[in-house]
Amino acid sequence: MVTKAPRRTAERILELTLERFNRLGEPNVSTTLIAAELGISPGNLYYHYPAKEELINALFGRFESALAHLLATADGVRNVEDAWVFLHSLFETIWAYRFLYRDLNDLLCKNRLLETHFQAVLKNKTRAMRHLLAGLSRHAALDIDAAAVEPTARCMVVLLTYWLSFEYVRDPRRALEPEHAQQAMLRGAEHVLSLLLPYLRSEQRQHLQQLSAAYKTPG
């Protein structure tokens, strides 16, 4: 029988750090806590990640890579249902690294790498939203004036970036708990797509309303 090799310590550190950052917020999690929960010495943790900032940067690198891969598929959006799936997938990626968005302003103030790279993330999101709008237009799902494309794409990015913050303010005790994640993401996708209601063709507007009704929950 072949046994699996134990996970490398560096990987275990990142996995636990992500879980704790997401659960408690990055400012509330120390490297001492992470080491203690893993049952390793602080020196062992520092060997792999000499500073807390390096843990944050390693996790951000994973997020950035996953997001870039997903954003590259925006060209394939042809109709409202494609857009719904695409946006929900975006929210799932954001949710998986939600500590970045939960503590965004604080992290940007303290971390130069995040400050510069998150600007690129916003640009890439905006580009993807333009591609999404172009794809919907090409496939006759959307009729939008050229002058409205850029502001609409930017509004979509604002909602994508700050939706989980809105959910948190709205219900601080429960919003970012895993059991509420699915509905929070569905509400986010619905609200981003609602920006397109003035431009959607009649049958696509009806389909969006059907999708929204199918997944509707209070709130």
C-alpha atoms as a PDB file:
ATOM      1  CA  MET A   1       0.000   0.000   0.000  1.00  0.00           C
ATOM      2  CA  VAL A   2       1.342   3.407  -1.010  1.00  0.00           C
ATOM      3  CA  THR A   3       1.095   6.027   1.717  1.00  0.00           C
ATOM      4  CA  LYS A   4       0.819   9.713   1.025  1.00  0.00           C
ATOM      5  CA  ALA A   5       3.769  11.845   1.972  1.00  0.00           C
ATOM      6  CA  PRO A   6       2.977  14.251   4.814  1.00  0.00           C
ATOM      7  CA  ARG A   7       2.193  17.769   3.735  1.00  0.00           C
ATOM      8  CA  ARG A   8       5.152  20.068   3.852  1.00  0.00           C
ATOM      9  CA  THR A   9       5.283  22.368   6.848  1.00  0.00           C
ATOM     10  CA  ALA A  10       5.211  25.473   4.651  1.00  0.00           C
ATOM     11  CA  GLU A  11       1.935  24.314   3.082  1.00  0.00           C
ATOM     12  CA  ARG A  12       0.381  23.518   6.454  1.00  0.00           C
ATOM     13  CA  ILE A  13       1.354  26.959   7.712  1.00  0.00           C
ATOM     14  CA  LEU A  14      -0.326  28.670   4.765  1.00  0.00           C
ATOM     15  CA  GLU A  15      -3.496  26.588   5.015  1.00  0.00           C
ATOM     16  CA  LEU A  16      -3.981  27.298   8.706  1.00  0.00           C
ATOM     17  CA  THR A  17      -3.057  30.961   8.299  1.00  0.00           C
ATOM     18  CA  LEU A  18      -5.659  31.408   5.559  1.00  0.00           C
ATOM     19  CA  GLU A  19      -8.338  29.726   7.659  1.00  0.00           C
ATOM     20  CA  ARG A  20      -7.555  31.848  10.716  1.00  0.00           C
ATOM     21  CA  PHE A  21      -7.203  35.109   8.761  1.00  0.00           C
ATOM     22  CA  ASN A  22     -10.560  34.459   7.108  1.00  0.00           C
ATOM     23  CA  ARG A  23     -12.224  33.505  10.360  1.00  0.00           C
ATOM     24  CA  LEU A  24     -10.796  36.084  12.752  1.00  0.00           C
ATOM     25  CA  GLY A  25      -9.385  38.836  10.533  1.00  0.00           C
ATOM     26  CA  GLU A  26      -5.686  39.285   9.805  1.00  0.00           C
ATOM     27  CA  PRO A  27      -5.009  41.871  12.572  1.00  0.00           C
ATOM     28  CA  ASN A  28      -6.292  39.408  15.186  1.00  0.00           C
ATOM     29  CA  VAL A  29      -4.009  36.507  14.232  1.00  0.00           C
ATOM     30  CA  SER A  30      -0.370  36.399  15.336  1.00  0.00           C
ATOM     31  CA  THR A  31       2.423  34.175  14.088  1.00  0.00           C
ATOM     32  CA  THR A  32       2.724  32.892  17.666  1.00  0.00           C
ATOM     33  CA  LEU A  33      -0.879  31.708  17.529  1.00  0.00           C
ATOM     34  CA  ILE A  34      -0.330  29.993  14.178  1.00  0.00           C
ATOM     35  CA  ALA A  35       2.779  28.197  15.429  1.00  0.00           C
ATOM     36  CA  ALA A  36       1.017  27.079  18.619  1.00  0.00           C
ATOM     37  CA  GLU A  37      -2.007  25.723  16.742  1.00  0.00           C
ATOM     38  CA  LEU A  38       0.246  23.806  14.346  1.00  0.00           C
ATOM     39  CA  GLY A  39       2.297  22.424  17.222  1.00  0.00           C
ATOM     40  CA  ILE A  40       5.558  23.813  15.852  1.00  0.00           C
ATOM     41  CA  SER A  41       8.052  26.230  17.335  1.00  0.00           C
ATOM     42  CA  PRO A  42       7.986  29.912  16.326  1.00  0.00           C
ATOM     43  CA  GLY A  43      11.499  29.366  14.964  1.00  0.00           C
ATOM     44  CA  ASN A  44      10.200  26.648  12.628  1.00  0.00           C
ATOM     45  CA  LEU A  45       7.518  29.003  11.328  1.00  0.00           C
ATOM     46  CA  TYR A  46      10.022  31.845  10.886  1.00  0.00           C
ATOM     47  CA  TYR A  47      12.285  29.503   8.934  1.00  0.00           C
ATOM     48  CA  HIS A  48       9.572  29.259   6.269  1.00  0.00           C
ATOM     49  CA  TYR A  49       8.045  32.732   6.655  1.00  0.00           C
ATOM     50  CA  PRO A  50      10.352  35.145   8.512  1.00  0.00           C
ATOM     51  CA  ALA A  51       7.588  37.750   8.971  1.00  0.00           C
ATOM     52  CA  LYS A  52       3.809  37.905   9.049  1.00  0.00           C
ATOM     53  CA  GLU A  53       3.930  40.075   5.923  1.00  0.00           C
ATOM     54  CA  GLU A  54       5.467  37.182   4.015  1.00  0.00           C
ATOM     55  CA  LEU A  55       2.533  34.966   4.972  1.00  0.00           C
ATOM     56  CA  ILE A  56       0.145  37.627   3.698  1.00  0.00           C
ATOM     57  CA  ASN A  57       2.108  38.044   0.470  1.00  0.00           C
ATOM     58  CA  ALA A  58       2.222  34.284  -0.168  1.00  0.00           C
ATOM     59  CA  LEU A  59      -1.545  34.013   0.267  1.00  0.00           C
ATOM     60  CA  PHE A  60      -2.111  37.069  -1.901  1.00  0.00           C
ATOM     61  CA  GLY A  61       0.046  35.497  -4.624  1.00  0.00           C
ATOM     62  CA  ARG A  62      -2.229  32.461  -4.634  1.00  0.00           C
ATOM     63  CA  PHE A  63      -5.315  34.654  -4.750  1.00  0.00           C
ATOM     64  CA  GLU A  64      -3.893  36.757  -7.572  1.00  0.00           C
ATOM     65  CA  SER A  65      -3.095  33.656  -9.627  1.00  0.00           C
ATOM     66  CA  ALA A  66      -6.541  32.083  -9.094  1.00  0.00           C
ATOM     67  CA  LEU A  67      -8.266  35.364  -9.914  1.00  0.00           C
ATOM     68  CA  ALA A  68      -6.239  35.944 -13.092  1.00  0.00           C
ATOM     69  CA  HIS A  69      -7.112  32.457 -14.340  1.00  0.00           C
ATOM     70  CA  LEU A  70     -10.821  33.080 -13.765  1.00  0.00           C
ATOM     71  CA  LEU A  71     -10.888  36.604 -15.203  1.00  0.00           C
ATOM     72  CA  ALA A  72      -9.357  35.271 -18.412  1.00  0.00           C
ATOM     73  CA  THR A  73     -12.605  33.360 -19.047  1.00  0.00           C
ATOM     74  CA  ALA A  74     -14.740  36.520 -19.219  1.00  0.00           C
ATOM     75  CA  ASP A  75     -14.599  36.434 -23.032  1.00  0.00           C
ATOM     76  CA  GLY A  76     -16.657  33.248 -22.958  1.00  0.00           C
ATOM     77  CA  VAL A  77     -19.731  34.883 -21.422  1.00  0.00           C
ATOM     78  CA  ARG A  78     -22.558  34.834 -23.997  1.00  0.00           C
ATOM     79  CA  ASN A  79     -25.766  35.291 -22.007  1.00  0.00           C
ATOM     80  CA  VAL A  80     -27.192  36.070 -18.580  1.00  0.00           C
ATOM     81  CA  GLU A  81     -26.780  32.518 -17.307  1.00  0.00           C
ATOM     82  CA  ASP A  82     -23.094  32.479 -18.298  1.00  0.00           C
ATOM     83  CA  ALA A  83     -22.668  35.827 -16.567  1.00  0.00           C
ATOM     84  CA  TRP A  84     -24.389  34.525 -13.427  1.00  0.00           C
ATOM     85  CA  VAL A  85     -22.051  31.523 -13.244  1.00  0.00           C
ATOM     86  CA  PHE A  86     -18.983  33.654 -13.991  1.00  0.00           C
ATOM     87  CA  LEU A  87     -19.797  36.225 -11.306  1.00  0.00           C
ATOM     88  CA  HIS A  88     -20.658  33.576  -8.753  1.00  0.00           C
ATOM     89  CA  SER A  89     -17.277  31.950  -9.453  1.00  0.00           C
ATOM     90  CA  LEU A  90     -15.612  35.315  -8.910  1.00  0.00           C
ATOM     91  CA  PHE A  91     -17.346  35.688  -5.561  1.00  0.00           C
ATOM     92  CA  GLU A  92     -16.250  32.163  -4.613  1.00  0.00           C
ATOM     93  CA  THR A  93     -12.628  33.111  -5.278  1.00  0.00           C
ATOM     94  CA  ILE A  94     -12.997  36.324  -3.303  1.00  0.00           C
ATOM     95  CA  TRP A  95     -14.687  34.393  -0.492  1.00  0.00           C
ATOM     96  CA  ALA A  96     -11.816  31.892  -0.341  1.00  0.00           C
ATOM     97  CA  TYR A  97      -9.449  34.802   0.417  1.00  0.00           C
ATOM     98  CA  ARG A  98     -11.972  37.079   2.090  1.00  0.00           C
ATOM     99  CA  PHE A  99      -9.535  38.348   4.729  1.00  0.00           C
ATOM    100  CA  LEU A 100      -7.956  40.466   1.970  1.00  0.00           C
ATOM    101  CA  TYR A 101     -11.267  42.244   1.414  1.00  0.00           C
ATOM    102  CA  ARG A 102     -12.339  42.287   5.046  1.00  0.00           C
ATOM    103  CA  ASP A 103      -9.185  44.138   6.100  1.00  0.00           C
ATOM    104  CA  LEU A 104      -8.366  45.741   2.755  1.00  0.00           C
ATOM    105  CA  ASN A 105      -7.718  49.352   3.777  1.00  0.00           C
ATOM    106  CA  ASP A 106      -5.560  48.304   6.724  1.00  0.00           C
ATOM    107  CA  LEU A 107      -3.551  45.851   4.624  1.00  0.00           C
ATOM    108  CA  LEU A 108      -2.944  48.388   1.866  1.00  0.00           C
ATOM    109  CA  CYS A 109      -1.668  50.933   4.390  1.00  0.00           C
ATOM    110  CA  LYS A 110       0.871  48.481   5.795  1.00  0.00           C
ATOM    111  CA  ASN A 111       1.944  46.453   2.779  1.00  0.00           C
ATOM    112  CA  ARG A 112       3.568  48.038  -0.272  1.00  0.00           C
ATOM    113  CA  LEU A 113       3.303  44.882  -2.390  1.00  0.00           C
ATOM    114  CA  LEU A 114      -0.449  44.669  -1.819  1.00  0.00           C
ATOM    115  CA  GLU A 115      -0.834  48.389  -2.438  1.00  0.00           C
ATOM    116  CA  THR A 116       0.662  48.117  -5.921  1.00  0.00           C
ATOM    117  CA  HIS A 117      -0.668  44.675  -6.860  1.00  0.00           C
ATOM    118  CA  PHE A 118      -4.220  45.363  -5.752  1.00  0.00           C
ATOM    119  CA  GLN A 119      -4.326  48.287  -8.168  1.00  0.00           C
ATOM    120  CA  ALA A 120      -3.515  45.764 -10.903  1.00  0.00           C
ATOM    121  CA  VAL A 121      -6.267  43.482  -9.560  1.00  0.00           C
ATOM    122  CA  LEU A 122      -8.790  46.309  -9.950  1.00  0.00           C
ATOM    123  CA  LYS A 123      -7.602  47.020 -13.486  1.00  0.00           C
ATOM    124  CA  ASN A 124      -7.851  43.338 -14.398  1.00  0.00           C
ATOM    125  CA  LYS A 125     -11.344  43.095 -12.929  1.00  0.00           C
ATOM    126  CA  THR A 126     -12.435  46.154 -14.891  1.00  0.00           C
ATOM    127  CA  ARG A 127     -10.969  44.749 -18.102  1.00  0.00           C
ATOM    128  CA  ALA A 128     -12.801  41.472 -17.498  1.00  0.00           C
ATOM    129  CA  MET A 129     -16.100  43.300 -16.975  1.00  0.00           C
ATOM    130  CA  ARG A 130     -15.579  45.138 -20.271  1.00  0.00           C
ATOM    131  CA  HIS A 131     -14.980  41.779 -21.969  1.00  0.00           C
ATOM    132  CA  LEU A 132     -18.101  40.382 -20.332  1.00  0.00           C
ATOM    133  CA  LEU A 133     -20.184  43.306 -21.620  1.00  0.00           C
ATOM    134  CA  ALA A 134     -18.658  42.949 -25.073  1.00  0.00           C
ATOM    135  CA  GLY A 135     -19.457  39.237 -25.142  1.00  0.00           C
ATOM    136  CA  LEU A 136     -23.062  39.834 -24.131  1.00  0.00           C
ATOM    137  CA  SER A 137     -23.336  42.474 -26.846  1.00  0.00           C
ATOM    138  CA  ARG A 138     -21.815  40.204 -29.502  1.00  0.00           C
ATOM    139  CA  HIS A 139     -24.354  37.514 -28.727  1.00  0.00           C
ATOM    140  CA  ALA A 140     -27.311  39.924 -28.785  1.00  0.00           C
ATOM    141  CA  ALA A 141     -28.021  39.574 -25.070  1.00  0.00           C
ATOM    142  CA  LEU A 142     -27.233  43.196 -24.321  1.00  0.00           C
ATOM    143  CA  ASP A 143     -27.776  46.522 -26.041  1.00  0.00           C
ATOM    144  CA  ILE A 144     -25.507  49.058 -24.380  1.00  0.00           C
ATOM    145  CA  ASP A 145     -24.220  52.361 -25.692  1.00  0.00           C
ATOM    146  CA  ALA A 146     -20.439  52.599 -25.973  1.00  0.00           C
ATOM    147  CA  ALA A 147     -20.391  55.547 -23.575  1.00  0.00           C
ATOM    148  CA  ALA A 148     -22.057  53.450 -20.858  1.00  0.00           C
ATOM    149  CA  VAL A 149     -19.594  50.540 -20.996  1.00  0.00           C
ATOM    150  CA  GLU A 150     -16.802  52.009 -18.873  1.00  0.00           C
ATOM    151  CA  PRO A 151     -18.950  53.381 -16.009  1.00  0.00           C
ATOM    152  CA  THR A 152     -20.975  50.157 -15.932  1.00  0.00           C
ATOM    153  CA  ALA A 153     -17.824  48.029 -15.805  1.00  0.00           C
ATOM    154  CA  ARG A 154     -16.439  50.167 -12.977  1.00  0.00           C
ATOM    155  CA  CYS A 155     -19.685  49.956 -10.983  1.00  0.00           C
ATOM    156  CA  MET A 156     -19.595  46.168 -11.380  1.00  0.00           C
ATOM    157  CA  VAL A 157     -16.041  46.132  -9.993  1.00  0.00           C
ATOM    158  CA  VAL A 158     -17.025  48.316  -7.030  1.00  0.00           C
ATOM    159  CA  LEU A 159     -19.771  45.861  -6.114  1.00  0.00           C
ATOM    160  CA  LEU A 160     -17.457  42.882  -6.578  1.00  0.00           C
ATOM    161  CA  THR A 161     -14.813  44.478  -4.385  1.00  0.00           C
ATOM    162  CA  TYR A 162     -16.995  45.744  -1.544  1.00  0.00           C
ATOM    163  CA  TRP A 163     -19.966  43.384  -1.493  1.00  0.00           C
ATOM    164  CA  LEU A 164     -18.639  41.236   1.355  1.00  0.00           C
ATOM    165  CA  SER A 165     -17.942  44.399   3.371  1.00  0.00           C
ATOM    166  CA  PHE A 166     -21.567  45.403   2.864  1.00  0.00           C
ATOM    167  CA  GLU A 167     -22.707  41.945   3.985  1.00  0.00           C
ATOM    168  CA  TYR A 168     -20.503  42.214   7.067  1.00  0.00           C
ATOM    169  CA  VAL A 169     -21.811  45.658   8.076  1.00  0.00           C
ATOM    170  CA  ARG A 170     -25.349  44.447   7.482  1.00  0.00           C
ATOM    171  CA  ASP A 171     -24.970  41.410   9.760  1.00  0.00           C
ATOM    172  CA  PRO A 172     -21.595  41.448  11.585  1.00  0.00           C
ATOM    173  CA  ARG A 173     -22.205  38.360  13.709  1.00  0.00           C
ATOM    174  CA  ARG A 174     -23.112  36.014  10.868  1.00  0.00           C
ATOM    175  CA  ALA A 175     -22.320  37.434   7.431  1.00  0.00           C
ATOM    176  CA  LEU A 176     -18.815  36.027   7.029  1.00  0.00           C
ATOM    177  CA  GLU A 177     -19.531  32.656   8.615  1.00  0.00           C
ATOM    178  CA  PRO A 178     -19.214  29.707   6.189  1.00  0.00           C
ATOM    179  CA  GLU A 179     -22.840  28.644   6.551  1.00  0.00           C
ATOM    180  CA  HIS A 180     -23.983  32.007   5.173  1.00  0.00           C
ATOM    181  CA  ALA A 181     -21.455  32.173   2.349  1.00  0.00           C
ATOM    182  CA  GLN A 182     -23.553  30.711  -0.447  1.00  0.00           C
ATOM    183  CA  GLN A 183     -26.436  33.132  -0.063  1.00  0.00           C
ATOM    184  CA  ALA A 184     -24.100  36.109   0.368  1.00  0.00           C
ATOM    185  CA  MET A 185     -22.397  35.235  -2.925  1.00  0.00           C
ATOM    186  CA  LEU A 186     -25.708  34.691  -4.718  1.00  0.00           C
ATOM    187  CA  ARG A 187     -26.937  38.071  -3.526  1.00  0.00           C
ATOM    188  CA  GLY A 188     -23.696  39.619  -4.737  1.00  0.00           C
ATOM    189  CA  ALA A 189     -23.980  38.073  -8.212  1.00  0.00           C
ATOM    190  CA  GLU A 190     -27.600  39.205  -8.442  1.00  0.00           C
ATOM    191  CA  HIS A 191     -26.777  42.786  -7.515  1.00  0.00           C
ATOM    192  CA  VAL A 192     -23.846  43.014  -9.925  1.00  0.00           C
ATOM    193  CA  LEU A 193     -26.036  41.719 -12.749  1.00  0.00           C
ATOM    194  CA  SER A 194     -28.857  44.086 -11.795  1.00  0.00           C
ATOM    195  CA  LEU A 195     -26.647  46.897 -13.110  1.00  0.00           C
ATOM    196  CA  LEU A 196     -27.286  45.463 -16.578  1.00  0.00           C
ATOM    197  CA  LEU A 197     -31.095  45.514 -16.350  1.00  0.00           C
ATOM    198  CA  PRO A 198     -31.470  48.750 -18.385  1.00  0.00           C
ATOM    199  CA  TYR A 199     -29.444  47.221 -21.231  1.00  0.00           C
ATOM    200  CA  LEU A 200     -30.540  43.582 -21.326  1.00  0.00           C
ATOM    201  CA  ARG A 201     -32.745  42.337 -24.130  1.00  0.00           C
ATOM    202  CA  SER A 202     -36.248  41.431 -22.999  1.00  0.00           C
ATOM    203  CA  GLU A 203     -35.777  37.652 -22.894  1.00  0.00           C
ATOM    204  CA  GLN A 204     -32.443  38.014 -21.057  1.00  0.00           C
ATOM    205  CA  ARG A 205     -34.018  40.347 -18.505  1.00  0.00           C
ATOM    206  CA  GLN A 206     -36.752  37.796 -17.888  1.00  0.00           C
ATOM    207  CA  HIS A 207     -34.178  35.043 -17.504  1.00  0.00           C
ATOM    208  CA  LEU A 208     -32.244  37.094 -14.946  1.00  0.00           C
ATOM    209  CA  GLN A 209     -35.443  37.643 -12.981  1.00  0.00           C
ATOM    210  CA  GLN A 210     -36.091  33.883 -13.066  1.00  0.00           C
ATOM    211  CA  LEU A 211     -32.583  33.144 -11.820  1.00  0.00           C
ATOM    212  CA  SER A 212     -32.939  35.711  -9.040  1.00  0.00           C
ATOM    213  CA  ALA A 213     -36.300  34.276  -7.968  1.00  0.00           C
ATOM    214  CA  ALA A 214     -34.942  30.709  -7.990  1.00  0.00           C
ATOM    215  CA  TYR A 215     -32.178  31.576  -5.539  1.00  0.00           C
ATOM    216  CA  LYS A 216     -33.997  34.269  -3.580  1.00  0.00           C
ATOM    217  CA  THR A 217     -33.526  34.388   0.175  1.00  0.00           C
ATOM    218  CA  PRO A 218     -34.538  37.038   2.707  1.00  0.00           C
ATOM    219  CA  GLY A 219     -32.145  39.990   2.788  1.00  0.00           C
END
